[in-house]
Amino acid sequence: MLSDDKISHMSHVVLKGLVDKGLIQLKAEDGKIRKEIKKAIVDELMVGQEIDETVRKKINTLSKKVTEGSNEWDILYKKLFAEEERKKGRS
């Protein structure tokens, strides 16, 4: 998980990028917008963490033990992670 300071920094960077590219124009305090950006980042991180936990549980319950860090584990992890993302409508 990222620290609150890092997430705040990311929200500033995202907001600045949106303004610089002319995708939005700020007419008032940008605090509300940054707060929503932070919430979206945190929500995405939480979903990613939930998916990670689900995938690790699935791998650990396989009849064939797969060693974390091995090439086989990495391929299996990526495949299962992508499947879980699709189930949650993320990809």
Protein backbone atom coordinates (compact mmCIF):
# COMPACT_ATOMS: atom_id res chain seq x y z
CA MET A 1 0.00 0.00 0.00
CA LEU A 2 1.18 3.53 -0.71
CA SER A 3 1.53 6.11 2.02
CA ASP A 4 -0.98 8.94 2.27
CA ASP A 5 1.76 11.38 1.24
CA LYS A 6 2.47 9.42 -1.94
CA ILE A 7 -1.22 9.19 -2.80
CA SER A 8 -1.59 12.95 -2.21
CA HIS A 9 1.38 13.58 -4.48
CA MET A 10 -0.14 11.37 -7.15
CA SER A 11 -3.43 13.27 -6.93
CA HIS A 12 -1.56 16.55 -7.47
CA VAL A 13 0.29 15.11 -10.48
CA VAL A 14 -2.93 13.75 -12.01
CA LEU A 15 -4.77 17.03 -11.50
CA LYS A 16 -1.90 19.06 -12.93
CA GLY A 17 -1.77 16.75 -15.96
CA LEU A 18 -5.50 17.15 -16.58
CA VAL A 19 -5.25 20.93 -16.34
CA ASP A 20 -2.06 21.15 -18.43
CA LYS A 21 -3.60 19.05 -21.22
CA GLY A 22 -6.71 21.23 -21.19
CA LEU A 23 -8.95 18.33 -20.25
CA ILE A 24 -10.43 20.25 -17.34
CA GLN A 25 -10.61 23.86 -16.23
CA LEU A 26 -10.61 24.73 -12.58
CA LYS A 27 -13.14 27.35 -11.58
CA ALA A 28 -12.91 26.86 -7.84
CA GLU A 29 -10.79 25.25 -5.17
CA ASP A 30 -9.15 22.11 -6.49
CA GLY A 31 -9.33 20.40 -3.08
CA LYS A 32 -12.59 18.61 -3.91
CA ILE A 33 -11.19 17.32 -7.17
CA ARG A 34 -7.95 16.14 -5.55
CA LYS A 35 -9.98 14.43 -2.82
CA GLU A 36 -11.95 12.51 -5.48
CA ILE A 37 -8.74 11.59 -7.31
CA LYS A 38 -7.24 10.32 -4.03
CA LYS A 39 -10.38 8.27 -3.36
CA ALA A 40 -10.21 6.72 -6.83
CA ILE A 41 -6.53 5.82 -6.34
CA VAL A 42 -7.18 4.26 -2.92
CA ASP A 43 -10.19 2.35 -4.24
CA GLU A 44 -8.14 0.93 -7.11
CA LEU A 45 -5.32 -0.04 -4.76
CA MET A 46 -7.78 -1.83 -2.49
CA VAL A 47 -9.28 -3.80 -5.38
CA GLY A 48 -5.77 -4.71 -6.53
CA GLN A 49 -4.91 -5.88 -3.03
CA GLU A 50 -8.09 -7.99 -2.85
CA ILE A 51 -7.29 -9.58 -6.20
CA ASP A 52 -3.72 -10.28 -5.08
CA GLU A 53 -4.99 -12.05 -1.94
CA THR A 54 -7.50 -14.10 -3.96
CA VAL A 55 -4.87 -15.15 -6.50
CA ARG A 56 -2.35 -16.13 -3.82
CA LYS A 57 -5.00 -18.25 -2.06
CA LYS A 58 -5.85 -19.99 -5.32
CA ILE A 59 -2.20 -20.76 -6.03
CA ASN A 60 -1.65 -22.03 -2.49
CA THR A 61 -4.62 -24.41 -2.72
CA LEU A 62 -3.43 -26.11 -5.91
CA SER A 63 -2.65 -29.80 -5.57
CA LYS A 64 0.70 -29.19 -7.25
CA LYS A 65 2.82 -26.89 -5.11
CA VAL A 66 4.27 -24.00 -7.06
CA THR A 67 7.17 -22.07 -5.56
CA GLU A 68 6.64 -18.32 -5.36
CA GLY A 69 9.18 -16.50 -7.47
CA SER A 70 9.55 -19.36 -9.94
CA ASN A 71 8.79 -18.80 -13.61
CA GLU A 72 5.78 -21.12 -13.33
CA TRP A 73 4.44 -19.17 -10.31
CA ASP A 74 4.86 -15.83 -12.11
CA ILE A 75 3.00 -17.04 -15.20
CA LEU A 76 0.22 -18.59 -13.12
CA TYR A 77 -0.07 -15.46 -10.96
CA LYS A 78 -0.37 -13.16 -14.00
CA LYS A 79 -2.96 -15.43 -15.62
CA LEU A 80 -5.10 -15.70 -12.49
CA PHE A 81 -4.72 -11.98 -11.72
CA ALA A 82 -5.98 -11.10 -15.22
CA GLU A 83 -8.94 -13.46 -14.77
CA GLU A 84 -9.86 -11.86 -11.45
CA GLU A 85 -9.54 -8.38 -12.98
CA ARG A 86 -11.98 -9.38 -15.74
CA LYS A 87 -14.40 -10.71 -13.11
CA LYS A 88 -14.29 -7.32 -11.39
CA GLY A 89 -14.63 -5.43 -14.69
CA ARG A 90 -11.18 -3.87 -14.50
CA SER A 91 -9.76 -4.81 -17.87
